Amino acid sequence: MSEIRIRSAKEADLPQVCAINTHYILNTALTFAQTPPPQESYHAKLAALSARGLPYFVAVAENPTHDSTQSDELVVGYAYLSPFREHLAAYAPTAELSLFLHPDYYSQGIGSRLLEVVLAFLRTGQIRHMTDEPIPPHLNGSPSSTQGVTVENIIAVMAVDPEGKDKGEALRRWYIKRGFQESGRLSKVGFKHGHWLVSTLNF
């Protein structure tokens, strides 16, 4: 396997991110999305997260096709933080994690590396998040509403897929092993591929 590098996402990565996400939408219950969104929506999301101060990372390897019409880098995974109830400033210290791997690159430690990069930014207070509601002065130590609020908590919402590894429990254990705590399971909040159960984990 070629060396894997993790860096901030850029526009040129998004067609490959779209392809990875489409695989999970069409073939799994790991995302409750049912219909692949248009590629333009991925560009809008990258721009929106950047404007809010939230990170978006990709794991890349040298593209093995060596096709001059393709990117020199193969996106083998991605992770980003989204606003959690962004319309309210009180939720600004919390963000929601999305992390997906290229289906050909499971069990190679790439997901762990992506998550560790996100958590490293969290631990050092480098993620400052803007919200739709004006941020009151000194909320969460912020001296100014124009600087955003430091993100201190990450939520990972995952589907416990009965058709997945260990009936979906393997992914839950993966998060817990890396410092997350399960805070509850939501029943009958989303239905896909005959499944209802969703687990919420906090870091």
C-alpha atoms as a PDB file:
ATOM      1  CA  MET A   1       0.000   0.000   0.000  1.00  0.00           C
ATOM      2  CA  SER A   2       1.283   3.450  -0.876  1.00  0.00           C
ATOM      3  CA  GLU A   3       1.878   5.996   1.851  1.00  0.00           C
ATOM      4  CA  ILE A   4      -1.277   7.609   3.216  1.00  0.00           C
ATOM      5  CA  ARG A   5      -1.245  11.344   3.865  1.00  0.00           C
ATOM      6  CA  ILE A   6      -3.899  13.337   5.692  1.00  0.00           C
ATOM      7  CA  ARG A   7      -4.475  16.947   4.721  1.00  0.00           C
ATOM      8  CA  SER A   8      -7.230  19.516   4.464  1.00  0.00           C
ATOM      9  CA  ALA A   9      -9.752  18.820   1.735  1.00  0.00           C
ATOM     10  CA  LYS A  10      -9.755  20.896  -1.433  1.00  0.00           C
ATOM     11  CA  GLU A  11     -12.158  21.327  -4.322  1.00  0.00           C
ATOM     12  CA  ALA A  12     -10.355  18.793  -6.524  1.00  0.00           C
ATOM     13  CA  ASP A  13     -10.981  16.044  -3.935  1.00  0.00           C
ATOM     14  CA  LEU A  14     -14.743  16.387  -3.940  1.00  0.00           C
ATOM     15  CA  PRO A  15     -15.653  14.160  -6.920  1.00  0.00           C
ATOM     16  CA  GLN A  16     -13.899  11.281  -5.127  1.00  0.00           C
ATOM     17  CA  VAL A  17     -15.548  12.188  -1.820  1.00  0.00           C
ATOM     18  CA  CYS A  18     -18.866  12.145  -3.663  1.00  0.00           C
ATOM     19  CA  ALA A  19     -18.135   8.653  -5.027  1.00  0.00           C
ATOM     20  CA  ILE A  20     -17.306   7.294  -1.566  1.00  0.00           C
ATOM     21  CA  ASN A  21     -20.405   8.829  -0.025  1.00  0.00           C
ATOM     22  CA  THR A  22     -22.597   7.534  -2.856  1.00  0.00           C
ATOM     23  CA  HIS A  23     -21.397   3.994  -2.140  1.00  0.00           C
ATOM     24  CA  TYR A  24     -22.566   4.251   1.478  1.00  0.00           C
ATOM     25  CA  ILE A  25     -25.863   5.895   0.553  1.00  0.00           C
ATOM     26  CA  LEU A  26     -26.785   3.209  -1.970  1.00  0.00           C
ATOM     27  CA  ASN A  27     -25.395   0.118  -0.252  1.00  0.00           C
ATOM     28  CA  THR A  28     -25.463   0.595   3.515  1.00  0.00           C
ATOM     29  CA  ALA A  29     -27.416   1.957   6.440  1.00  0.00           C
ATOM     30  CA  LEU A  30     -24.343   3.724   7.830  1.00  0.00           C
ATOM     31  CA  THR A  31     -25.805   6.941   6.519  1.00  0.00           C
ATOM     32  CA  PHE A  32     -29.553   7.460   6.556  1.00  0.00           C
ATOM     33  CA  ALA A  33     -29.387   9.422   3.310  1.00  0.00           C
ATOM     34  CA  GLN A  34     -31.417   7.598   0.666  1.00  0.00           C
ATOM     35  CA  THR A  35     -30.595   9.537  -2.506  1.00  0.00           C
ATOM     36  CA  PRO A  36     -27.098  10.683  -3.557  1.00  0.00           C
ATOM     37  CA  PRO A  37     -27.000  14.481  -3.602  1.00  0.00           C
ATOM     38  CA  PRO A  38     -25.686  16.395  -6.615  1.00  0.00           C
ATOM     39  CA  GLN A  39     -21.949  16.965  -6.711  1.00  0.00           C
ATOM     40  CA  GLU A  40     -22.468  20.711  -6.307  1.00  0.00           C
ATOM     41  CA  SER A  41     -23.705  20.083  -2.771  1.00  0.00           C
ATOM     42  CA  TYR A  42     -20.273  18.774  -1.775  1.00  0.00           C
ATOM     43  CA  HIS A  43     -18.677  22.017  -2.907  1.00  0.00           C
ATOM     44  CA  ALA A  44     -21.279  23.995  -0.964  1.00  0.00           C
ATOM     45  CA  LYS A  45     -20.602  21.944   2.181  1.00  0.00           C
ATOM     46  CA  LEU A  46     -16.834  22.427   1.984  1.00  0.00           C
ATOM     47  CA  ALA A  47     -17.315  26.177   1.589  1.00  0.00           C
ATOM     48  CA  ALA A  48     -19.860  26.345   4.422  1.00  0.00           C
ATOM     49  CA  LEU A  49     -17.718  24.385   6.880  1.00  0.00           C
ATOM     50  CA  SER A  50     -14.687  26.477   6.030  1.00  0.00           C
ATOM     51  CA  ALA A  51     -16.678  29.672   6.610  1.00  0.00           C
ATOM     52  CA  ARG A  52     -17.782  28.405  10.021  1.00  0.00           C
ATOM     53  CA  GLY A  53     -14.232  27.418  11.001  1.00  0.00           C
ATOM     54  CA  LEU A  54     -14.903  23.675  11.033  1.00  0.00           C
ATOM     55  CA  PRO A  55     -12.294  21.183   9.717  1.00  0.00           C
ATOM     56  CA  TYR A  56     -12.617  18.915   6.672  1.00  0.00           C
ATOM     57  CA  PHE A  57      -9.822  16.377   6.125  1.00  0.00           C
ATOM     58  CA  VAL A  58      -9.063  13.771   3.485  1.00  0.00           C
ATOM     59  CA  ALA A  59      -6.729  10.775   3.573  1.00  0.00           C
ATOM     60  CA  VAL A  60      -4.984  10.398   0.226  1.00  0.00           C
ATOM     61  CA  ALA A  61      -2.705   7.869  -1.432  1.00  0.00           C
ATOM     62  CA  GLU A  62      -0.911   7.911  -4.742  1.00  0.00           C
ATOM     63  CA  ASN A  63      -3.474   7.064  -7.420  1.00  0.00           C
ATOM     64  CA  PRO A  64      -2.577   3.551  -8.632  1.00  0.00           C
ATOM     65  CA  THR A  65      -4.244   4.018 -12.053  1.00  0.00           C
ATOM     66  CA  HIS A  66      -1.599   6.471 -13.300  1.00  0.00           C
ATOM     67  CA  ASP A  67      -4.300   7.680 -15.694  1.00  0.00           C
ATOM     68  CA  SER A  68      -3.412  11.195 -16.855  1.00  0.00           C
ATOM     69  CA  THR A  69      -7.106  12.088 -16.897  1.00  0.00           C
ATOM     70  CA  GLN A  70      -7.431  11.245 -13.201  1.00  0.00           C
ATOM     71  CA  SER A  71      -6.144  12.983 -10.083  1.00  0.00           C
ATOM     72  CA  ASP A  72      -2.615  12.062  -8.977  1.00  0.00           C
ATOM     73  CA  GLU A  73      -4.064  11.354  -5.530  1.00  0.00           C
ATOM     74  CA  LEU A  74      -6.666   8.786  -4.562  1.00  0.00           C
ATOM     75  CA  VAL A  75      -8.984   9.842  -1.734  1.00  0.00           C
ATOM     76  CA  VAL A  76      -9.214   6.809   0.554  1.00  0.00           C
ATOM     77  CA  GLY A  77     -11.193   8.440   3.354  1.00  0.00           C
ATOM     78  CA  TYR A  78     -12.503  11.705   4.686  1.00  0.00           C
ATOM     79  CA  ALA A  79     -13.682  13.240   7.942  1.00  0.00           C
ATOM     80  CA  TYR A  80     -15.280  16.550   8.825  1.00  0.00           C
ATOM     81  CA  LEU A  81     -17.127  18.276  11.634  1.00  0.00           C
ATOM     82  CA  SER A  82     -20.570  19.736  11.003  1.00  0.00           C
ATOM     83  CA  PRO A  83     -22.519  22.200  13.134  1.00  0.00           C
ATOM     84  CA  PHE A  84     -24.843  20.651  15.678  1.00  0.00           C
ATOM     85  CA  ARG A  85     -28.093  22.659  15.683  1.00  0.00           C
ATOM     86  CA  GLU A  86     -26.242  25.589  14.197  1.00  0.00           C
ATOM     87  CA  HIS A  87     -29.174  27.947  14.524  1.00  0.00           C
ATOM     88  CA  LEU A  88     -28.555  28.252  18.300  1.00  0.00           C
ATOM     89  CA  ALA A  89     -25.372  29.697  19.791  1.00  0.00           C
ATOM     90  CA  ALA A  90     -25.707  27.568  22.932  1.00  0.00           C
ATOM     91  CA  TYR A  91     -24.820  24.497  20.841  1.00  0.00           C
ATOM     92  CA  ALA A  92     -21.703  26.103  19.352  1.00  0.00           C
ATOM     93  CA  PRO A  93     -19.251  24.154  21.584  1.00  0.00           C
ATOM     94  CA  THR A  94     -20.564  20.909  20.031  1.00  0.00           C
ATOM     95  CA  ALA A  95     -19.995  19.570  16.506  1.00  0.00           C
ATOM     96  CA  GLU A  96     -21.020  16.359  14.748  1.00  0.00           C
ATOM     97  CA  LEU A  97     -18.461  14.014  13.199  1.00  0.00           C
ATOM     98  CA  SER A  98     -18.745  12.403   9.767  1.00  0.00           C
ATOM     99  CA  LEU A  99     -16.062   9.861   8.845  1.00  0.00           C
ATOM    100  CA  PHE A 100     -16.096   7.476   5.875  1.00  0.00           C
ATOM    101  CA  LEU A 101     -13.493   5.284   4.164  1.00  0.00           C
ATOM    102  CA  HIS A 102     -13.134   4.108   0.599  1.00  0.00           C
ATOM    103  CA  PRO A 103     -14.622   0.577   0.653  1.00  0.00           C
ATOM    104  CA  ASP A 104     -11.348  -0.904  -0.632  1.00  0.00           C
ATOM    105  CA  TYR A 105      -9.360   0.563   2.274  1.00  0.00           C
ATOM    106  CA  TYR A 106     -10.983  -0.892   5.387  1.00  0.00           C
ATOM    107  CA  SER A 107      -8.948  -2.228   8.328  1.00  0.00           C
ATOM    108  CA  GLN A 108      -5.740  -0.395   7.428  1.00  0.00           C
ATOM    109  CA  GLY A 109      -5.759   2.136  10.266  1.00  0.00           C
ATOM    110  CA  ILE A 110      -6.869   5.006   8.024  1.00  0.00           C
ATOM    111  CA  GLY A 111     -10.038   5.741   9.965  1.00  0.00           C
ATOM    112  CA  SER A 112      -8.079   5.838  13.212  1.00  0.00           C
ATOM    113  CA  ARG A 113      -5.598   8.284  11.728  1.00  0.00           C
ATOM    114  CA  LEU A 114      -8.341  10.553  10.386  1.00  0.00           C
ATOM    115  CA  LEU A 115     -10.104  10.564  13.732  1.00  0.00           C
ATOM    116  CA  GLU A 116      -6.889  11.295  15.621  1.00  0.00           C
ATOM    117  CA  VAL A 117      -6.207  14.348  13.441  1.00  0.00           C
ATOM    118  CA  VAL A 118      -9.685  15.694  14.210  1.00  0.00           C
ATOM    119  CA  LEU A 119      -9.307  14.985  17.935  1.00  0.00           C
ATOM    120  CA  ALA A 120      -5.865  16.603  18.015  1.00  0.00           C
ATOM    121  CA  PHE A 121      -7.392  19.829  16.732  1.00  0.00           C
ATOM    122  CA  LEU A 122     -10.150  19.505  19.327  1.00  0.00           C
ATOM    123  CA  ARG A 123      -7.734  18.975  22.229  1.00  0.00           C
ATOM    124  CA  THR A 124      -5.621  21.984  21.339  1.00  0.00           C
ATOM    125  CA  GLY A 125      -8.633  24.290  21.008  1.00  0.00           C
ATOM    126  CA  GLN A 126      -7.936  25.031  17.334  1.00  0.00           C
ATOM    127  CA  ILE A 127     -11.569  24.650  16.223  1.00  0.00           C
ATOM    128  CA  ARG A 128     -13.616  27.808  16.666  1.00  0.00           C
ATOM    129  CA  HIS A 129     -17.152  27.589  15.391  1.00  0.00           C
ATOM    130  CA  MET A 130     -19.480  30.346  14.188  1.00  0.00           C
ATOM    131  CA  THR A 131     -23.262  29.898  14.507  1.00  0.00           C
ATOM    132  CA  ASP A 132     -26.308  31.420  12.826  1.00  0.00           C
ATOM    133  CA  GLU A 133     -27.430  33.030  16.086  1.00  0.00           C
ATOM    134  CA  PRO A 134     -25.149  35.860  17.235  1.00  0.00           C
ATOM    135  CA  ILE A 135     -22.719  34.597  19.854  1.00  0.00           C
ATOM    136  CA  PRO A 136     -22.973  36.497  23.157  1.00  0.00           C
ATOM    137  CA  PRO A 137     -19.743  38.042  24.448  1.00  0.00           C
ATOM    138  CA  HIS A 138     -17.650  35.691  26.588  1.00  0.00           C
ATOM    139  CA  LEU A 139     -19.656  32.550  25.734  1.00  0.00           C
ATOM    140  CA  ASN A 140     -17.266  29.667  26.332  1.00  0.00           C
ATOM    141  CA  GLY A 141     -14.448  32.135  26.913  1.00  0.00           C
ATOM    142  CA  SER A 142     -14.875  33.900  23.592  1.00  0.00           C
ATOM    143  CA  PRO A 143     -13.867  37.560  23.931  1.00  0.00           C
ATOM    144  CA  SER A 144     -15.783  38.510  20.814  1.00  0.00           C
ATOM    145  CA  SER A 145     -18.811  37.204  18.965  1.00  0.00           C
ATOM    146  CA  THR A 146     -16.846  37.573  15.716  1.00  0.00           C
ATOM    147  CA  GLN A 147     -14.262  34.967  16.761  1.00  0.00           C
ATOM    148  CA  GLY A 148     -16.637  32.061  17.243  1.00  0.00           C
ATOM    149  CA  VAL A 149     -16.716  29.570  20.099  1.00  0.00           C
ATOM    150  CA  THR A 150     -14.169  26.844  20.790  1.00  0.00           C
ATOM    151  CA  VAL A 151     -15.536  23.387  19.987  1.00  0.00           C
ATOM    152  CA  GLU A 152     -15.167  21.162  23.052  1.00  0.00           C
ATOM    153  CA  ASN A 153     -17.486  18.239  22.303  1.00  0.00           C
ATOM    154  CA  ILE A 154     -17.893  15.920  19.331  1.00  0.00           C
ATOM    155  CA  ILE A 155     -20.960  13.778  18.663  1.00  0.00           C
ATOM    156  CA  ALA A 156     -20.831  10.697  16.462  1.00  0.00           C
ATOM    157  CA  VAL A 157     -24.255   9.451  15.418  1.00  0.00           C
ATOM    158  CA  MET A 158     -24.063   5.958  13.924  1.00  0.00           C
ATOM    159  CA  ALA A 159     -26.524   3.366  12.703  1.00  0.00           C
ATOM    160  CA  VAL A 160     -26.227   0.053  14.492  1.00  0.00           C
ATOM    161  CA  ASP A 161     -26.658  -1.999  11.332  1.00  0.00           C
ATOM    162  CA  PRO A 162     -27.774  -5.615  12.055  1.00  0.00           C
ATOM    163  CA  GLU A 163     -26.234  -6.626   8.716  1.00  0.00           C
ATOM    164  CA  GLY A 164     -22.872  -5.068   9.587  1.00  0.00           C
ATOM    165  CA  LYS A 165     -19.886  -6.563  11.371  1.00  0.00           C
ATOM    166  CA  ASP A 166     -20.948  -8.130  14.686  1.00  0.00           C
ATOM    167  CA  LYS A 167     -24.494  -6.947  13.924  1.00  0.00           C
ATOM    168  CA  GLY A 168     -23.339  -3.353  13.909  1.00  0.00           C
ATOM    169  CA  GLU A 169     -21.661  -3.419  17.291  1.00  0.00           C
ATOM    170  CA  ALA A 170     -18.108  -3.455  15.882  1.00  0.00           C
ATOM    171  CA  LEU A 171     -18.301   0.183  14.817  1.00  0.00           C
ATOM    172  CA  ARG A 172     -19.712   1.234  18.188  1.00  0.00           C
ATOM    173  CA  ARG A 173     -16.815  -0.519  19.932  1.00  0.00           C
ATOM    174  CA  TRP A 174     -14.378   1.174  17.527  1.00  0.00           C
ATOM    175  CA  TYR A 175     -15.547   4.582  18.719  1.00  0.00           C
ATOM    176  CA  ILE A 176     -15.560   3.626  22.386  1.00  0.00           C
ATOM    177  CA  LYS A 177     -12.017   2.276  22.118  1.00  0.00           C
ATOM    178  CA  ARG A 178     -10.965   5.723  20.897  1.00  0.00           C
ATOM    179  CA  GLY A 179     -12.446   7.640  23.799  1.00  0.00           C
ATOM    180  CA  PHE A 180     -16.107   8.101  22.902  1.00  0.00           C
ATOM    181  CA  GLN A 181     -18.899   7.227  25.310  1.00  0.00           C
ATOM    182  CA  GLU A 182     -22.280   5.957  24.204  1.00  0.00           C
ATOM    183  CA  SER A 183     -24.896   8.370  25.475  1.00  0.00           C
ATOM    184  CA  GLY A 184     -27.975   6.547  24.249  1.00  0.00           C
ATOM    185  CA  ARG A 185     -29.814   4.880  21.394  1.00  0.00           C
ATOM    186  CA  LEU A 186     -32.619   6.518  19.475  1.00  0.00           C
ATOM    187  CA  SER A 187     -35.367   4.182  18.340  1.00  0.00           C
ATOM    188  CA  LYS A 188     -37.576   4.743  15.296  1.00  0.00           C
ATOM    189  CA  VAL A 189     -36.042   8.072  14.307  1.00  0.00           C
ATOM    190  CA  GLY A 190     -34.853   6.995  10.865  1.00  0.00           C
ATOM    191  CA  PHE A 191     -35.651   3.977   8.689  1.00  0.00           C
ATOM    192  CA  LYS A 192     -33.413   2.506   5.999  1.00  0.00           C
ATOM    193  CA  HIS A 193     -32.878  -1.035   4.723  1.00  0.00           C
ATOM    194  CA  GLY A 194     -35.350  -2.263   7.319  1.00  0.00           C
ATOM    195  CA  HIS A 195     -33.394  -0.795  10.258  1.00  0.00           C
ATOM    196  CA  TRP A 196     -34.418   1.675  12.924  1.00  0.00           C
ATOM    197  CA  LEU A 197     -31.752   1.753  15.633  1.00  0.00           C
ATOM    198  CA  VAL A 198     -29.303   4.645  15.969  1.00  0.00           C
ATOM    199  CA  SER A 199     -26.549   5.046  18.565  1.00  0.00           C
ATOM    200  CA  THR A 200     -25.264   8.425  19.761  1.00  0.00           C
ATOM    201  CA  LEU A 201     -21.691   8.663  21.057  1.00  0.00           C
ATOM    202  CA  ASN A 202     -19.974  11.655  22.634  1.00  0.00           C
ATOM    203  CA  PHE A 203     -16.316  12.573  22.914  1.00  0.00           C
END
